[in-house]
């Protein structure tokens, strides 16, 4: 009979959860392998054997954030009204950020870089947004470059979610700012009626 496995899925999950919190609340450079292992109640050897190194653990945390956000955004059904779909995607993005604050901060708060000009992969959270914008462009509801439209929507949402996570906005103000900012952003790209 072989030796029992010490570095199992439970240890892996503890390391990822601890790393998520540490990377969301501290500068990446200040989070050491020893601190990550201690926060998870694991050894540094466990981290190395499960993830290779600190960067491997960062990649796993980021992957969990990407998968979770993509899953929620992909669950938003497409309708006959792409503008309504963009609103629904924005609502979902905001809710995900508020419900998964540490994952959100790891994904967009500075641990990883965001490249809006990069390729959109099949599991990329921006894909549902791009698809809704493409449908709105095809229906002549929006006019402009898909990347610039997506970036302007993301900037609007990201700014709002970051302010909410920082506790800068109360719920009433955040709700009003969300609706008015999103409407204004979409209006800027909307094709005027002829």
N, C-alpha and C. Protein backbone atom coordinates (compact mmCIF):
# COMPACT_ATOMS: atom_id res chain seq x y z
N UNK A 1 0.85 -1.18 0.00
CA UNK A 1 0.00 0.00 0.00
C UNK A 1 0.90 1.24 0.00
N UNK A 2 0.56 2.24 -0.83
CA UNK A 2 1.37 3.45 -0.95
C UNK A 2 1.17 4.39 0.23
N UNK A 3 2.04 5.35 0.32
CA UNK A 3 1.92 6.36 1.38
C UNK A 3 0.68 7.20 1.16
N UNK A 4 0.01 7.62 2.23
CA UNK A 4 -1.15 8.49 2.06
C UNK A 4 -0.72 9.82 1.46
N UNK A 5 -1.55 10.36 0.65
CA UNK A 5 -1.24 11.62 -0.01
C UNK A 5 -1.48 12.77 0.96
N UNK A 6 -0.45 13.53 1.21
CA UNK A 6 -0.55 14.64 2.16
C UNK A 6 -1.06 15.89 1.46
N UNK A 7 -0.56 16.15 0.28
CA UNK A 7 -0.93 17.35 -0.45
C UNK A 7 -2.10 17.05 -1.38
N UNK A 8 -3.28 16.95 -0.77
CA UNK A 8 -4.47 16.57 -1.51
C UNK A 8 -5.27 17.80 -1.95
N UNK A 9 -6.47 17.57 -2.45
CA UNK A 9 -7.31 18.66 -2.94
C UNK A 9 -7.70 19.64 -1.83
N UNK A 10 -7.83 19.14 -0.60
CA UNK A 10 -8.17 20.03 0.52
C UNK A 10 -7.04 21.03 0.76
N UNK A 11 -5.80 20.57 0.73
CA UNK A 11 -4.65 21.46 0.90
C UNK A 11 -4.58 22.43 -0.27
N UNK A 12 -4.81 21.92 -1.47
CA UNK A 12 -4.80 22.76 -2.68
C UNK A 12 -5.84 23.89 -2.54
N UNK A 13 -7.05 23.52 -2.13
CA UNK A 13 -8.12 24.51 -1.98
C UNK A 13 -7.78 25.54 -0.90
N UNK A 14 -7.21 25.09 0.21
CA UNK A 14 -6.82 26.02 1.28
C UNK A 14 -5.76 26.99 0.78
N UNK A 15 -4.80 26.49 0.03
CA UNK A 15 -3.76 27.36 -0.51
C UNK A 15 -4.35 28.39 -1.48
N UNK A 16 -5.26 27.96 -2.33
CA UNK A 16 -5.87 28.88 -3.29
C UNK A 16 -6.71 29.92 -2.56
N UNK A 17 -7.50 29.51 -1.57
CA UNK A 17 -8.34 30.45 -0.83
C UNK A 17 -7.49 31.46 -0.06
N UNK A 18 -6.45 30.98 0.60
CA UNK A 18 -5.57 31.88 1.35
C UNK A 18 -4.85 32.83 0.40
N UNK A 19 -4.37 32.31 -0.70
CA UNK A 19 -3.67 33.15 -1.67
C UNK A 19 -4.61 34.20 -2.25
N UNK A 20 -5.84 33.83 -2.49
CA UNK A 20 -6.82 34.78 -3.03
C UNK A 20 -6.96 35.97 -2.09
N UNK A 21 -7.12 35.68 -0.81
CA UNK A 21 -7.28 36.76 0.16
C UNK A 21 -6.01 37.60 0.28
N UNK A 22 -4.86 36.94 0.37
CA UNK A 22 -3.61 37.69 0.51
C UNK A 22 -3.31 38.55 -0.72
N UNK A 23 -3.48 37.98 -1.92
CA UNK A 23 -3.19 38.75 -3.13
C UNK A 23 -4.20 39.88 -3.33
N UNK A 24 -5.39 39.72 -2.80
CA UNK A 24 -6.41 40.78 -2.94
C UNK A 24 -6.17 41.93 -1.97
N UNK A 25 -5.47 41.64 -0.89
CA UNK A 25 -5.34 42.66 0.16
C UNK A 25 -3.91 43.18 0.36
N UNK A 26 -2.94 42.59 -0.34
CA UNK A 26 -1.55 43.01 -0.18
C UNK A 26 -0.87 43.10 -1.54
N UNK A 27 0.17 43.90 -1.64
CA UNK A 27 0.95 43.92 -2.89
C UNK A 27 1.57 42.54 -3.14
N UNK A 28 1.54 42.11 -4.38
CA UNK A 28 2.03 40.77 -4.71
C UNK A 28 3.45 40.54 -4.23
N UNK A 29 4.32 41.53 -4.35
CA UNK A 29 5.72 41.38 -3.97
C UNK A 29 5.88 41.10 -2.47
N UNK A 30 4.93 41.54 -1.67
CA UNK A 30 5.05 41.35 -0.22
C UNK A 30 4.53 40.00 0.25
N UNK A 31 3.90 39.25 -0.63
CA UNK A 31 3.34 37.94 -0.26
C UNK A 31 4.37 36.87 -0.60
N UNK A 32 4.95 36.30 0.45
CA UNK A 32 5.99 35.29 0.26
C UNK A 32 5.39 33.89 0.22
N UNK A 33 6.18 32.95 -0.26
CA UNK A 33 5.75 31.54 -0.26
C UNK A 33 5.50 31.09 1.17
N UNK A 34 6.35 31.49 2.07
CA UNK A 34 6.19 31.11 3.48
C UNK A 34 4.87 31.67 4.04
N UNK A 35 4.56 32.94 3.73
CA UNK A 35 3.31 33.54 4.21
C UNK A 35 2.09 32.84 3.61
N UNK A 36 2.19 32.49 2.35
CA UNK A 36 1.07 31.78 1.70
C UNK A 36 0.84 30.42 2.36
N UNK A 37 1.91 29.69 2.56
CA UNK A 37 1.79 28.37 3.19
C UNK A 37 1.25 28.49 4.62
N UNK A 38 1.78 29.43 5.39
CA UNK A 38 1.32 29.60 6.77
C UNK A 38 -0.15 29.97 6.83
N UNK A 39 -0.60 30.85 5.95
CA UNK A 39 -2.01 31.26 5.95
C UNK A 39 -2.94 30.09 5.65
N UNK A 40 -2.44 29.13 4.89
CA UNK A 40 -3.26 27.96 4.54
C UNK A 40 -3.06 26.80 5.50
N UNK A 41 -2.17 26.95 6.46
CA UNK A 41 -1.88 25.85 7.37
C UNK A 41 -1.20 24.70 6.65
N UNK A 42 -0.35 25.05 5.69
CA UNK A 42 0.34 24.04 4.88
C UNK A 42 1.84 24.33 4.91
N UNK A 43 2.58 23.43 4.35
CA UNK A 43 4.03 23.63 4.27
C UNK A 43 4.39 24.30 2.94
N UNK A 44 5.57 24.89 2.92
CA UNK A 44 6.04 25.46 1.65
C UNK A 44 6.24 24.34 0.63
N UNK A 45 6.62 23.16 1.09
CA UNK A 45 6.77 22.01 0.18
C UNK A 45 5.45 21.68 -0.50
N UNK A 46 4.35 21.82 0.24
CA UNK A 46 3.03 21.56 -0.36
C UNK A 46 2.76 22.53 -1.50
N UNK A 47 3.07 23.80 -1.28
CA UNK A 47 2.86 24.80 -2.32
C UNK A 47 3.69 24.45 -3.55
N UNK A 48 4.96 24.12 -3.33
CA UNK A 48 5.83 23.80 -4.46
C UNK A 48 5.38 22.53 -5.18
N UNK A 49 4.95 21.54 -4.45
CA UNK A 49 4.56 20.29 -5.10
C UNK A 49 3.23 20.43 -5.84
N UNK A 50 2.33 21.27 -5.33
CA UNK A 50 1.02 21.41 -5.98
C UNK A 50 1.01 22.45 -7.11
N UNK A 51 1.84 23.50 -6.98
CA UNK A 51 1.77 24.60 -7.95
C UNK A 51 3.09 24.93 -8.64
N UNK A 52 4.17 24.31 -8.21
CA UNK A 52 5.47 24.58 -8.82
C UNK A 52 6.18 25.74 -8.15
N UNK A 53 5.49 26.86 -8.02
CA UNK A 53 6.05 28.04 -7.37
C UNK A 53 4.93 29.04 -7.11
N UNK A 54 5.31 30.22 -6.59
CA UNK A 54 4.31 31.25 -6.28
C UNK A 54 3.54 31.67 -7.53
N UNK A 55 4.24 31.80 -8.65
CA UNK A 55 3.57 32.19 -9.89
C UNK A 55 2.53 31.16 -10.33
N UNK A 56 2.81 29.89 -10.07
CA UNK A 56 1.84 28.84 -10.40
C UNK A 56 0.58 28.98 -9.55
N UNK A 57 0.76 29.36 -8.29
CA UNK A 57 -0.39 29.58 -7.41
C UNK A 57 -1.16 30.82 -7.84
N UNK A 58 -0.44 31.89 -8.20
CA UNK A 58 -1.11 33.09 -8.72
C UNK A 58 -1.94 32.74 -9.96
N UNK A 59 -1.37 31.94 -10.85
CA UNK A 59 -2.09 31.54 -12.07
C UNK A 59 -3.36 30.76 -11.73
N UNK A 60 -3.29 29.90 -10.71
CA UNK A 60 -4.48 29.14 -10.31
C UNK A 60 -5.56 30.05 -9.72
N UNK A 61 -5.16 31.01 -8.91
CA UNK A 61 -6.11 31.97 -8.34
C UNK A 61 -6.77 32.75 -9.46
N UNK A 62 -5.96 33.25 -10.38
CA UNK A 62 -6.49 34.01 -11.50
C UNK A 62 -7.43 33.15 -12.35
N UNK A 63 -7.05 31.90 -12.57
CA UNK A 63 -7.88 30.99 -13.35
C UNK A 63 -9.24 30.80 -12.69
N UNK A 64 -9.26 30.64 -11.38
CA UNK A 64 -10.54 30.48 -10.69
C UNK A 64 -11.41 31.73 -10.84
N UNK A 65 -10.79 32.90 -10.78
CA UNK A 65 -11.54 34.13 -10.98
C UNK A 65 -12.11 34.20 -12.39
N UNK A 66 -11.29 33.91 -13.37
CA UNK A 66 -11.72 33.97 -14.78
C UNK A 66 -12.86 32.97 -15.02
N UNK A 67 -12.69 31.76 -14.54
CA UNK A 67 -13.71 30.73 -14.74
C UNK A 67 -15.03 31.13 -14.08
N UNK A 68 -14.95 31.65 -12.86
CA UNK A 68 -16.18 32.04 -12.15
C UNK A 68 -16.90 33.19 -12.82
N UNK A 69 -16.16 34.21 -13.22
CA UNK A 69 -16.79 35.35 -13.89
C UNK A 69 -17.35 34.93 -15.24
N UNK A 70 -16.61 34.14 -16.00
CA UNK A 70 -17.09 33.66 -17.30
C UNK A 70 -18.36 32.83 -17.13
N UNK A 71 -18.37 31.95 -16.14
CA UNK A 71 -19.55 31.10 -15.91
C UNK A 71 -20.79 31.95 -15.65
N UNK A 72 -20.66 32.96 -14.80
CA UNK A 72 -21.82 33.79 -14.48
C UNK A 72 -22.26 34.64 -15.67
N UNK A 73 -21.30 35.22 -16.39
CA UNK A 73 -21.66 36.05 -17.54
C UNK A 73 -22.24 35.20 -18.67
N UNK A 74 -21.72 34.00 -18.85
CA UNK A 74 -22.23 33.11 -19.90
C UNK A 74 -23.63 32.62 -19.60
N UNK A 75 -24.03 32.65 -18.34
CA UNK A 75 -25.38 32.20 -17.96
C UNK A 75 -26.44 33.25 -18.27
N UNK A 76 -26.03 34.47 -18.62
CA UNK A 76 -27.00 35.51 -18.98
C UNK A 76 -27.55 35.16 -20.36
N UNK A 77 -28.86 34.93 -20.47
CA UNK A 77 -29.41 34.51 -21.76
C UNK A 77 -29.43 35.66 -22.77
N UNK A 78 -29.19 35.31 -24.03
CA UNK A 78 -29.30 36.29 -25.11
C UNK A 78 -30.77 36.44 -25.46
N UNK A 79 -31.18 37.68 -25.72
CA UNK A 79 -32.56 37.95 -26.09
C UNK A 79 -32.59 38.60 -27.48
N UNK A 80 -33.74 39.06 -27.86
CA UNK A 80 -33.88 39.77 -29.13
C UNK A 80 -33.37 41.20 -29.04
N UNK A 81 -33.08 41.67 -27.83
CA UNK A 81 -32.65 43.06 -27.61
C UNK A 81 -31.22 43.07 -27.06
N UNK A 82 -30.22 43.25 -27.94
CA UNK A 82 -28.83 43.24 -27.47
C UNK A 82 -28.52 44.33 -26.43
N UNK A 83 -29.21 45.46 -26.49
CA UNK A 83 -28.98 46.50 -25.49
C UNK A 83 -29.46 46.05 -24.11
N UNK A 84 -30.58 45.36 -24.07
CA UNK A 84 -31.06 44.79 -22.80
C UNK A 84 -30.08 43.73 -22.30
N UNK A 85 -29.51 42.99 -23.24
CA UNK A 85 -28.52 41.96 -22.87
C UNK A 85 -27.26 42.60 -22.29
N UNK A 86 -26.83 43.73 -22.87
CA UNK A 86 -25.67 44.44 -22.33
C UNK A 86 -25.95 44.91 -20.90
N UNK A 87 -27.16 45.38 -20.67
CA UNK A 87 -27.54 45.79 -19.31
C UNK A 87 -27.51 44.59 -18.36
N UNK A 88 -28.07 43.47 -18.80
CA UNK A 88 -28.07 42.26 -17.96
C UNK A 88 -26.65 41.77 -17.67
N UNK A 89 -25.78 41.85 -18.66
CA UNK A 89 -24.38 41.47 -18.44
C UNK A 89 -23.71 42.41 -17.43
N UNK A 90 -24.01 43.69 -17.52
CA UNK A 90 -23.44 44.67 -16.58
C UNK A 90 -23.91 44.38 -15.16
N UNK A 91 -25.20 44.08 -15.01
CA UNK A 91 -25.75 43.74 -13.69
C UNK A 91 -25.03 42.52 -13.12
N UNK A 92 -24.83 41.51 -13.96
CA UNK A 92 -24.17 40.27 -13.54
C UNK A 92 -22.72 40.52 -13.16
N UNK A 93 -22.02 41.31 -13.96
CA UNK A 93 -20.62 41.65 -13.68
C UNK A 93 -20.51 42.34 -12.32
N UNK A 94 -21.36 43.31 -12.10
CA UNK A 94 -21.34 44.05 -10.83
C UNK A 94 -21.65 43.12 -9.66
N UNK A 95 -22.66 42.29 -9.80
CA UNK A 95 -23.02 41.37 -8.72
C UNK A 95 -21.88 40.40 -8.44
N UNK A 96 -21.25 39.86 -9.49
CA UNK A 96 -20.15 38.92 -9.30
C UNK A 96 -19.01 39.60 -8.54
N UNK A 97 -18.67 40.82 -8.94
CA UNK A 97 -17.60 41.54 -8.27
C UNK A 97 -17.88 41.76 -6.80
N UNK A 98 -19.14 42.10 -6.48
CA UNK A 98 -19.49 42.34 -5.08
C UNK A 98 -19.54 41.05 -4.28
N UNK A 99 -19.96 39.96 -4.90
CA UNK A 99 -20.06 38.68 -4.19
C UNK A 99 -18.72 37.96 -4.07
N UNK A 100 -17.79 38.29 -4.95
CA UNK A 100 -16.47 37.62 -4.98
C UNK A 100 -15.37 38.67 -4.93
N UNK A 101 -15.45 39.52 -3.93
CA UNK A 101 -14.57 40.70 -3.86
C UNK A 101 -13.09 40.35 -3.94
N UNK A 102 -12.64 39.29 -3.28
CA UNK A 102 -11.22 38.96 -3.33
C UNK A 102 -10.82 38.44 -4.70
N UNK A 103 -11.64 37.60 -5.30
CA UNK A 103 -11.33 37.14 -6.66
C UNK A 103 -11.33 38.31 -7.63
N UNK A 104 -12.28 39.21 -7.45
CA UNK A 104 -12.36 40.39 -8.32
C UNK A 104 -11.08 41.23 -8.19
N UNK A 105 -10.65 41.45 -6.95
CA UNK A 105 -9.46 42.25 -6.73
C UNK A 105 -8.21 41.57 -7.31
N UNK A 106 -8.14 40.26 -7.20
CA UNK A 106 -7.00 39.55 -7.79
C UNK A 106 -7.03 39.70 -9.31
N UNK A 107 -8.20 39.58 -9.89
CA UNK A 107 -8.33 39.63 -11.34
C UNK A 107 -8.10 41.03 -11.88
N UNK A 108 -8.65 42.05 -11.22
CA UNK A 108 -8.62 43.40 -11.78
C UNK A 108 -7.97 44.45 -10.87
N UNK A 109 -7.50 44.05 -9.70
CA UNK A 109 -7.02 45.03 -8.75
C UNK A 109 -5.52 45.25 -8.75
N UNK A 110 -4.81 44.72 -9.72
CA UNK A 110 -3.40 45.03 -9.81
C UNK A 110 -2.46 43.84 -9.74
N UNK A 111 -2.92 42.67 -9.28
CA UNK A 111 -2.03 41.52 -9.23
C UNK A 111 -1.70 41.05 -10.65
N UNK A 112 -2.68 41.07 -11.50
CA UNK A 112 -2.51 40.71 -12.90
C UNK A 112 -2.76 41.93 -13.77
N UNK A 113 -2.18 41.94 -14.94
CA UNK A 113 -2.42 43.06 -15.84
C UNK A 113 -3.62 42.76 -16.72
N UNK A 114 -4.27 43.82 -17.17
CA UNK A 114 -5.42 43.68 -18.04
C UNK A 114 -5.03 44.23 -19.40
N UNK A 115 -5.16 43.43 -20.44
CA UNK A 115 -4.81 43.84 -21.80
C UNK A 115 -6.07 43.83 -22.65
N UNK A 116 -6.70 45.01 -22.85
CA UNK A 116 -7.95 45.04 -23.59
C UNK A 116 -7.78 44.75 -25.07
N UNK A 117 -6.54 44.74 -25.57
CA UNK A 117 -6.34 44.47 -26.99
C UNK A 117 -5.99 43.01 -27.25
N UNK A 118 -5.92 42.21 -26.19
CA UNK A 118 -5.54 40.80 -26.34
C UNK A 118 -6.63 39.98 -27.02
N UNK A 119 -6.25 38.78 -27.42
CA UNK A 119 -7.20 37.86 -28.04
C UNK A 119 -8.25 37.43 -27.03
N UNK A 120 -9.47 37.24 -27.50
CA UNK A 120 -10.55 36.78 -26.64
C UNK A 120 -10.67 35.27 -26.81
N UNK A 121 -10.29 34.54 -25.78
CA UNK A 121 -10.36 33.08 -25.85
C UNK A 121 -11.78 32.59 -25.56
N UNK A 122 -11.97 31.29 -25.71
CA UNK A 122 -13.31 30.73 -25.55
C UNK A 122 -13.82 30.87 -24.12
N UNK A 123 -12.94 30.86 -23.13
CA UNK A 123 -13.38 30.99 -21.74
C UNK A 123 -13.11 32.36 -21.16
N UNK A 124 -12.88 33.35 -22.00
CA UNK A 124 -12.58 34.69 -21.54
C UNK A 124 -13.86 35.39 -21.11
N UNK A 125 -13.87 35.98 -19.90
CA UNK A 125 -15.09 36.65 -19.42
C UNK A 125 -15.58 37.79 -20.32
N UNK A 126 -14.71 38.32 -21.15
CA UNK A 126 -15.15 39.41 -22.02
C UNK A 126 -15.94 38.89 -23.23
N UNK A 127 -15.87 37.59 -23.51
CA UNK A 127 -16.55 37.03 -24.68
C UNK A 127 -18.06 37.32 -24.70
N UNK A 128 -18.81 37.09 -23.62
CA UNK A 128 -20.25 37.41 -23.67
C UNK A 128 -20.53 38.88 -23.99
N UNK A 129 -19.68 39.77 -23.48
CA UNK A 129 -19.83 41.20 -23.76
C UNK A 129 -19.58 41.47 -25.24
N UNK A 130 -18.50 40.92 -25.78
CA UNK A 130 -18.16 41.11 -27.19
C UNK A 130 -19.29 40.58 -28.07
N UNK A 131 -19.82 39.42 -27.73
CA UNK A 131 -20.90 38.83 -28.53
C UNK A 131 -22.15 39.71 -28.52
N UNK A 132 -22.50 40.26 -27.36
CA UNK A 132 -23.67 41.14 -27.28
C UNK A 132 -23.42 42.43 -28.06
N UNK A 133 -22.22 42.97 -27.99
CA UNK A 133 -21.89 44.17 -28.75
C UNK A 133 -21.95 43.87 -30.25
N UNK A 134 -21.41 42.73 -30.65
CA UNK A 134 -21.47 42.34 -32.07
C UNK A 134 -22.92 42.26 -32.56
N UNK A 135 -23.80 41.70 -31.73
CA UNK A 135 -25.21 41.61 -32.13
C UNK A 135 -25.84 42.99 -32.22
N UNK A 136 -25.47 43.89 -31.30
CA UNK A 136 -25.99 45.26 -31.34
C UNK A 136 -25.46 46.02 -32.56
N UNK A 137 -24.21 45.78 -32.92
CA UNK A 137 -23.66 46.40 -34.12
C UNK A 137 -24.35 45.87 -35.37
N UNK A 138 -24.57 44.56 -35.43
CA UNK A 138 -25.24 43.95 -36.58
C UNK A 138 -26.67 44.45 -36.73
N UNK A 139 -27.32 44.74 -35.61
CA UNK A 139 -28.70 45.24 -35.62
C UNK A 139 -28.75 46.76 -35.79
N UNK A 140 -27.58 47.38 -36.01
CA UNK A 140 -27.47 48.84 -36.15
C UNK A 140 -28.02 49.59 -34.94
N UNK A 141 -27.87 48.99 -33.76
CA UNK A 141 -28.27 49.65 -32.52
C UNK A 141 -27.10 50.43 -31.93
N UNK A 142 -25.88 49.95 -32.20
CA UNK A 142 -24.66 50.63 -31.76
C UNK A 142 -23.79 50.88 -32.99
N UNK A 143 -22.92 51.87 -32.87
CA UNK A 143 -22.00 52.18 -33.95
C UNK A 143 -20.64 52.45 -33.36
N UNK A 144 -19.60 51.80 -33.90
CA UNK A 144 -18.25 52.02 -33.41
C UNK A 144 -17.44 50.75 -33.48
N UNK A 145 -16.26 50.82 -32.90
CA UNK A 145 -15.35 49.69 -32.86
C UNK A 145 -15.69 48.81 -31.66
N UNK A 146 -15.82 47.52 -31.89
CA UNK A 146 -16.25 46.60 -30.83
C UNK A 146 -15.31 46.65 -29.62
N UNK A 147 -14.00 46.73 -29.85
CA UNK A 147 -13.05 46.77 -28.74
C UNK A 147 -13.21 48.05 -27.92
N UNK A 148 -13.38 49.17 -28.62
CA UNK A 148 -13.54 50.43 -27.90
C UNK A 148 -14.86 50.48 -27.12
N UNK A 149 -15.91 49.93 -27.70
CA UNK A 149 -17.20 49.88 -27.00
C UNK A 149 -17.06 49.01 -25.75
N UNK A 150 -16.46 47.83 -25.92
CA UNK A 150 -16.28 46.92 -24.78
C UNK A 150 -15.42 47.58 -23.71
N UNK A 151 -14.36 48.24 -24.11
CA UNK A 151 -13.48 48.89 -23.15
C UNK A 151 -14.19 50.01 -22.40
N UNK A 152 -15.01 50.79 -23.09
CA UNK A 152 -15.72 51.88 -22.41
C UNK A 152 -16.74 51.33 -21.41
N UNK A 153 -17.41 50.25 -21.76
CA UNK A 153 -18.35 49.63 -20.82
C UNK A 153 -17.58 49.06 -19.62
N UNK A 154 -16.47 48.38 -19.89
CA UNK A 154 -15.69 47.79 -18.80
C UNK A 154 -15.15 48.88 -17.88
N UNK A 155 -14.62 49.96 -18.45
CA UNK A 155 -14.08 51.04 -17.62
C UNK A 155 -15.17 51.60 -16.69
N UNK A 156 -16.35 51.79 -17.24
CA UNK A 156 -17.46 52.31 -16.44
C UNK A 156 -17.79 51.35 -15.30
N UNK A 157 -17.95 50.08 -15.63
CA UNK A 157 -18.31 49.09 -14.61
C UNK A 157 -17.18 48.88 -13.60
N UNK A 158 -15.97 48.78 -14.10
CA UNK A 158 -14.83 48.54 -13.22
C UNK A 158 -14.68 49.68 -12.21
N UNK A 159 -14.78 50.91 -12.69
CA UNK A 159 -14.66 52.05 -11.79
C UNK A 159 -15.71 52.01 -10.69
N UNK A 160 -16.94 51.71 -11.06
CA UNK A 160 -18.02 51.64 -10.10
C UNK A 160 -17.81 50.51 -9.09
N UNK A 161 -17.47 49.31 -9.59
CA UNK A 161 -17.27 48.17 -8.69
C UNK A 161 -16.10 48.43 -7.74
N UNK A 162 -15.03 49.00 -8.25
CA UNK A 162 -13.89 49.30 -7.37
C UNK A 162 -14.28 50.28 -6.27
N UNK A 163 -15.07 51.30 -6.61
CA UNK A 163 -15.54 52.25 -5.59
C UNK A 163 -16.44 51.55 -4.57
N UNK A 164 -17.29 50.65 -5.05
CA UNK A 164 -18.15 49.91 -4.11
C UNK A 164 -17.32 49.02 -3.19
N UNK A 165 -16.36 48.30 -3.75
CA UNK A 165 -15.54 47.40 -2.93
C UNK A 165 -14.70 48.17 -1.92
N UNK A 166 -14.33 49.39 -2.26
CA UNK A 166 -13.56 50.22 -1.34
C UNK A 166 -14.44 50.84 -0.26
N UNK A 167 -15.78 50.69 -0.39
CA UNK A 167 -16.69 51.25 0.59
C UNK A 167 -16.93 52.74 0.42
N UNK A 168 -16.57 53.27 -0.75
CA UNK A 168 -16.70 54.70 -1.01
C UNK A 168 -18.15 55.12 -1.26
N UNK A 169 -18.95 54.21 -1.82
CA UNK A 169 -20.33 54.53 -2.18
C UNK A 169 -21.30 53.73 -1.33
N UNK A 170 -22.34 54.39 -0.83
CA UNK A 170 -23.40 53.64 -0.17
C UNK A 170 -24.25 52.97 -1.25
N UNK A 171 -25.09 52.05 -0.86
CA UNK A 171 -25.86 51.25 -1.82
C UNK A 171 -26.75 52.11 -2.70
N UNK A 172 -27.44 53.07 -2.13
CA UNK A 172 -28.35 53.92 -2.91
C UNK A 172 -27.59 54.70 -3.97
N UNK A 173 -26.47 55.29 -3.58
CA UNK A 173 -25.65 56.06 -4.52
C UNK A 173 -25.07 55.15 -5.59
N UNK A 174 -24.58 53.98 -5.18
CA UNK A 174 -23.99 53.03 -6.13
C UNK A 174 -25.03 52.56 -7.14
N UNK A 175 -26.25 52.26 -6.67
CA UNK A 175 -27.31 51.82 -7.58
C UNK A 175 -27.64 52.91 -8.60
N UNK A 176 -27.78 54.15 -8.12
CA UNK A 176 -28.10 55.26 -9.03
C UNK A 176 -26.95 55.51 -10.00
N UNK A 177 -25.73 55.46 -9.51
CA UNK A 177 -24.56 55.68 -10.38
C UNK A 177 -24.44 54.58 -11.42
N UNK A 178 -24.74 53.35 -11.02
CA UNK A 178 -24.67 52.23 -11.96
C UNK A 178 -25.63 52.46 -13.12
N UNK A 179 -26.88 52.72 -12.81
CA UNK A 179 -27.88 52.90 -13.87
C UNK A 179 -27.56 54.09 -14.76
N UNK A 180 -27.25 55.23 -14.16
CA UNK A 180 -27.02 56.43 -14.97
C UNK A 180 -25.73 56.32 -15.79
N UNK A 181 -24.68 55.76 -15.21
CA UNK A 181 -23.41 55.64 -15.93
C UNK A 181 -23.52 54.65 -17.08
N UNK A 182 -24.18 53.53 -16.84
CA UNK A 182 -24.33 52.54 -17.90
C UNK A 182 -25.16 53.09 -19.05
N UNK A 183 -26.28 53.77 -18.71
CA UNK A 183 -27.11 54.38 -19.76
C UNK A 183 -26.31 55.39 -20.56
N UNK A 184 -25.55 56.23 -19.88
CA UNK A 184 -24.77 57.26 -20.56
C UNK A 184 -23.70 56.64 -21.47
N UNK A 185 -23.05 55.59 -20.98
CA UNK A 185 -22.02 54.92 -21.79
C UNK A 185 -22.64 54.32 -23.04
N UNK A 186 -23.74 53.60 -22.88
CA UNK A 186 -24.38 52.99 -24.05
C UNK A 186 -24.93 54.06 -25.00
N UNK A 187 -25.47 55.13 -24.44
CA UNK A 187 -26.01 56.21 -25.28
C UNK A 187 -24.93 56.81 -26.17
N UNK A 188 -23.71 56.85 -25.67
CA UNK A 188 -22.61 57.39 -26.45
C UNK A 188 -22.28 56.56 -27.67
N UNK A 189 -22.65 55.29 -27.66
CA UNK A 189 -22.39 54.41 -28.80
C UNK A 189 -23.64 54.08 -29.61
N UNK A 190 -24.79 54.55 -29.12
CA UNK A 190 -26.06 54.21 -29.79
C UNK A 190 -26.21 54.97 -31.09
N UNK A 191 -26.71 54.27 -32.09
CA UNK A 191 -27.00 54.90 -33.38
C UNK A 191 -28.21 55.79 -33.21
N UNK A 192 -28.10 57.09 -33.55
CA UNK A 192 -29.24 57.98 -33.39
C UNK A 192 -30.37 57.58 -34.35
N UNK A 193 -31.61 57.76 -33.92
CA UNK A 193 -32.75 57.44 -34.78
C UNK A 193 -32.74 58.34 -36.03
N UNK A 194 -33.15 57.77 -37.15
CA UNK A 194 -33.17 58.56 -38.39
C UNK A 194 -34.54 59.12 -38.68
